[in-house]
Amino acid sequence: MPNNSDNAILTKIGAYFKGNWGAPFVIGFMVLLTVTAMSVSMGLEFFANQMATYSYYALSVGVVLQIVSFAKEQKKRKS
């Protein structure tokens, strides 16, 4: 059963992701890039190329969402 400190941590994590829309995609990029590196080391070049492509897309979406999130936050602070 989760205690209060676990709930506080989960609340902070949820608030972080709510304020940083691109964060899940950037984390996904890092995971996919790790899978890419492991695939290359195992000689699975075709799979590694596919994973590298998907990781690039994840990073691109994450960066765009972070910029939108940042702009929205700046607009809210000026109001």
N, C-alpha and C. Protein backbone atom coordinates (compact mmCIF):
# COMPACT_ATOMS: atom_id res chain seq x y z
N MET A 1 0.84 -1.18 0.00
CA MET A 1 0.00 0.00 0.00
C MET A 1 0.89 1.24 0.00
N PRO A 2 0.64 2.17 -0.94
CA PRO A 2 1.48 3.37 -1.00
C PRO A 2 1.26 4.28 0.19
N ASN A 3 2.35 4.88 0.66
CA ASN A 3 2.23 5.81 1.77
C ASN A 3 2.20 7.25 1.24
N ASN A 4 2.18 8.22 2.14
CA ASN A 4 2.06 9.62 1.72
C ASN A 4 3.25 10.10 0.91
N SER A 5 4.46 9.64 1.25
CA SER A 5 5.62 10.08 0.48
C SER A 5 5.58 9.53 -0.94
N ASP A 6 5.06 8.31 -1.13
CA ASP A 6 4.89 7.77 -2.48
C ASP A 6 3.88 8.61 -3.27
N ASN A 7 2.80 8.98 -2.61
CA ASN A 7 1.80 9.81 -3.28
C ASN A 7 2.37 11.18 -3.64
N ALA A 8 3.20 11.74 -2.78
CA ALA A 8 3.81 13.04 -3.06
C ALA A 8 4.74 12.94 -4.27
N ILE A 9 5.50 11.86 -4.34
CA ILE A 9 6.40 11.67 -5.48
C ILE A 9 5.60 11.51 -6.77
N LEU A 10 4.55 10.71 -6.73
CA LEU A 10 3.72 10.52 -7.93
C LEU A 10 3.05 11.82 -8.34
N THR A 11 2.65 12.63 -7.37
CA THR A 11 2.05 13.92 -7.67
C THR A 11 3.06 14.84 -8.35
N LYS A 12 4.30 14.84 -7.86
CA LYS A 12 5.34 15.67 -8.47
C LYS A 12 5.66 15.21 -9.89
N ILE A 13 5.72 13.90 -10.09
CA ILE A 13 5.98 13.36 -11.42
C ILE A 13 4.85 13.75 -12.38
N GLY A 14 3.61 13.60 -11.91
CA GLY A 14 2.47 13.98 -12.73
C GLY A 14 2.48 15.45 -13.09
N ALA A 15 2.82 16.30 -12.13
CA ALA A 15 2.89 17.74 -12.39
C ALA A 15 4.00 18.05 -13.39
N TYR A 16 5.12 17.35 -13.29
CA TYR A 16 6.22 17.57 -14.23
C TYR A 16 5.79 17.25 -15.66
N PHE A 17 5.14 16.11 -15.85
CA PHE A 17 4.72 15.72 -17.19
C PHE A 17 3.59 16.60 -17.70
N LYS A 18 2.76 17.11 -16.79
CA LYS A 18 1.68 18.01 -17.19
C LYS A 18 2.24 19.34 -17.69
N GLY A 19 3.32 19.80 -17.09
CA GLY A 19 3.92 21.06 -17.47
C GLY A 19 4.94 20.94 -18.60
N ASN A 20 5.41 19.75 -18.87
CA ASN A 20 6.42 19.51 -19.91
C ASN A 20 5.90 18.45 -20.87
N TRP A 21 5.11 18.90 -21.82
CA TRP A 21 4.43 17.98 -22.72
C TRP A 21 5.37 17.10 -23.52
N GLY A 22 6.54 17.57 -23.82
CA GLY A 22 7.47 16.81 -24.65
C GLY A 22 8.29 15.79 -23.88
N ALA A 23 8.25 15.86 -22.56
CA ALA A 23 9.10 14.99 -21.74
C ALA A 23 8.91 13.50 -22.04
N PRO A 24 7.68 12.99 -22.17
CA PRO A 24 7.55 11.56 -22.49
C PRO A 24 8.20 11.17 -23.81
N PHE A 25 8.14 12.07 -24.79
CA PHE A 25 8.75 11.78 -26.08
C PHE A 25 10.27 11.81 -26.01
N VAL A 26 10.80 12.73 -25.21
CA VAL A 26 12.26 12.79 -25.05
C VAL A 26 12.74 11.54 -24.31
N ILE A 27 12.00 11.10 -23.30
CA ILE A 27 12.35 9.86 -22.60
C ILE A 27 12.26 8.68 -23.56
N GLY A 28 11.20 8.67 -24.38
CA GLY A 28 11.07 7.62 -25.40
C GLY A 28 12.22 7.62 -26.38
N PHE A 29 12.68 8.83 -26.75
CA PHE A 29 13.85 8.95 -27.62
C PHE A 29 15.06 8.28 -26.99
N MET A 30 15.30 8.55 -25.71
CA MET A 30 16.46 7.97 -25.03
C MET A 30 16.37 6.45 -24.96
N VAL A 31 15.18 5.93 -24.72
CA VAL A 31 14.99 4.48 -24.67
C VAL A 31 15.23 3.88 -26.06
N LEU A 32 14.64 4.50 -27.08
CA LEU A 32 14.81 3.99 -28.44
C LEU A 32 16.27 4.07 -28.90
N LEU A 33 16.96 5.12 -28.51
CA LEU A 33 18.36 5.24 -28.88
C LEU A 33 19.21 4.16 -28.20
N THR A 34 18.85 3.82 -26.97
CA THR A 34 19.55 2.73 -26.28
C THR A 34 19.29 1.40 -26.99
N VAL A 35 18.05 1.18 -27.39
CA VAL A 35 17.72 -0.04 -28.15
C VAL A 35 18.49 -0.06 -29.47
N THR A 36 18.61 1.10 -30.10
CA THR A 36 19.37 1.20 -31.35
C THR A 36 20.82 0.79 -31.13
N ALA A 37 21.43 1.32 -30.08
CA ALA A 37 22.83 0.99 -29.80
C ALA A 37 23.01 -0.51 -29.53
N MET A 38 22.09 -1.09 -28.76
CA MET A 38 22.18 -2.53 -28.48
C MET A 38 21.98 -3.34 -29.75
N SER A 39 21.09 -2.89 -30.62
CA SER A 39 20.83 -3.61 -31.88
C SER A 39 22.06 -3.58 -32.78
N VAL A 40 22.74 -2.45 -32.84
CA VAL A 40 23.95 -2.37 -33.65
C VAL A 40 25.01 -3.31 -33.10
N SER A 41 25.12 -3.35 -31.77
CA SER A 41 26.14 -4.22 -31.16
C SER A 41 25.85 -5.71 -31.39
N MET A 42 24.57 -6.04 -31.63
CA MET A 42 24.21 -7.43 -31.90
C MET A 42 24.19 -7.74 -33.39
N GLY A 43 24.52 -6.74 -34.23
CA GLY A 43 24.56 -6.96 -35.67
C GLY A 43 23.22 -6.87 -36.36
N LEU A 44 22.24 -6.26 -35.74
CA LEU A 44 20.91 -6.13 -36.33
C LEU A 44 20.77 -4.74 -36.96
N GLU A 45 21.49 -4.52 -38.05
CA GLU A 45 21.56 -3.19 -38.64
C GLU A 45 20.22 -2.69 -39.16
N PHE A 46 19.44 -3.57 -39.80
CA PHE A 46 18.14 -3.14 -40.33
C PHE A 46 17.24 -2.67 -39.19
N PHE A 47 17.16 -3.46 -38.13
CA PHE A 47 16.34 -3.10 -36.98
C PHE A 47 16.87 -1.82 -36.33
N ALA A 48 18.18 -1.70 -36.24
CA ALA A 48 18.79 -0.50 -35.64
C ALA A 48 18.44 0.74 -36.45
N ASN A 49 18.45 0.62 -37.77
CA ASN A 49 18.08 1.76 -38.61
C ASN A 49 16.63 2.17 -38.39
N GLN A 50 15.76 1.19 -38.25
CA GLN A 50 14.35 1.50 -37.99
C GLN A 50 14.20 2.20 -36.63
N MET A 51 14.88 1.69 -35.63
CA MET A 51 14.80 2.29 -34.29
C MET A 51 15.40 3.69 -34.27
N ALA A 52 16.46 3.90 -35.03
CA ALA A 52 17.06 5.23 -35.11
C ALA A 52 16.08 6.22 -35.75
N THR A 53 15.36 5.78 -36.76
CA THR A 53 14.36 6.63 -37.40
C THR A 53 13.25 6.99 -36.41
N TYR A 54 12.75 5.99 -35.69
CA TYR A 54 11.69 6.26 -34.72
C TYR A 54 12.19 7.14 -33.58
N SER A 55 13.43 6.96 -33.18
CA SER A 55 13.96 7.80 -32.10
C SER A 55 14.08 9.25 -32.56
N TYR A 56 14.45 9.46 -33.82
CA TYR A 56 14.51 10.82 -34.36
C TYR A 56 13.13 11.46 -34.35
N TYR A 57 12.11 10.70 -34.78
CA TYR A 57 10.74 11.23 -34.76
C TYR A 57 10.31 11.57 -33.33
N ALA A 58 10.61 10.70 -32.39
CA ALA A 58 10.24 10.96 -30.99
C ALA A 58 10.91 12.22 -30.47
N LEU A 59 12.19 12.39 -30.79
CA LEU A 59 12.89 13.59 -30.35
C LEU A 59 12.31 14.83 -31.00
N SER A 60 12.00 14.75 -32.28
CA SER A 60 11.42 15.91 -32.98
C SER A 60 10.09 16.32 -32.38
N VAL A 61 9.22 15.35 -32.14
CA VAL A 61 7.92 15.65 -31.53
C VAL A 61 8.12 16.21 -30.12
N GLY A 62 9.03 15.62 -29.37
CA GLY A 62 9.30 16.08 -28.01
C GLY A 62 9.79 17.51 -27.96
N VAL A 63 10.68 17.87 -28.86
CA VAL A 63 11.21 19.24 -28.89
C VAL A 63 10.10 20.23 -29.26
N VAL A 64 9.31 19.89 -30.25
CA VAL A 64 8.21 20.79 -30.64
C VAL A 64 7.23 20.96 -29.48
N LEU A 65 6.87 19.88 -28.82
CA LEU A 65 5.94 19.98 -27.69
C LEU A 65 6.55 20.76 -26.53
N GLN A 66 7.84 20.62 -26.30
CA GLN A 66 8.49 21.40 -25.23
C GLN A 66 8.46 22.88 -25.57
N ILE A 67 8.68 23.24 -26.82
CA ILE A 67 8.63 24.64 -27.22
C ILE A 67 7.21 25.19 -27.03
N VAL A 68 6.20 24.43 -27.44
CA VAL A 68 4.81 24.85 -27.27
C VAL A 68 4.49 25.00 -25.78
N SER A 69 4.91 24.03 -24.99
CA SER A 69 4.68 24.08 -23.54
C SER A 69 5.36 25.29 -22.92
N PHE A 70 6.58 25.57 -23.33
CA PHE A 70 7.31 26.73 -22.81
C PHE A 70 6.62 28.03 -23.21
N ALA A 71 6.18 28.13 -24.45
CA ALA A 71 5.50 29.34 -24.92
C ALA A 71 4.19 29.55 -24.16
N LYS A 72 3.47 28.47 -23.93
CA LYS A 72 2.21 28.56 -23.19
C LYS A 72 2.46 29.04 -21.76
N GLU A 73 3.49 28.52 -21.14
CA GLU A 73 3.84 28.92 -19.77
C GLU A 73 4.25 30.38 -19.71
N GLN A 74 5.02 30.83 -20.69
CA GLN A 74 5.44 32.24 -20.72
C GLN A 74 4.25 33.16 -20.91
N LYS A 75 3.31 32.75 -21.76
CA LYS A 75 2.11 33.55 -21.98
C LYS A 75 1.28 33.63 -20.70
N LYS A 76 1.18 32.52 -19.99
CA LYS A 76 0.42 32.49 -18.75
C LYS A 76 1.07 33.39 -17.69
N ARG A 77 2.38 33.42 -17.63
CA ARG A 77 3.08 34.25 -16.64
C ARG A 77 2.92 35.73 -16.92
N LYS A 78 2.83 36.11 -18.20
CA LYS A 78 2.67 37.53 -18.55
C LYS A 78 1.26 38.03 -18.27
N SER A 79 0.30 37.11 -18.22
CA SER A 79 -1.10 37.51 -17.98
C SER A 79 -1.37 37.82 -16.54
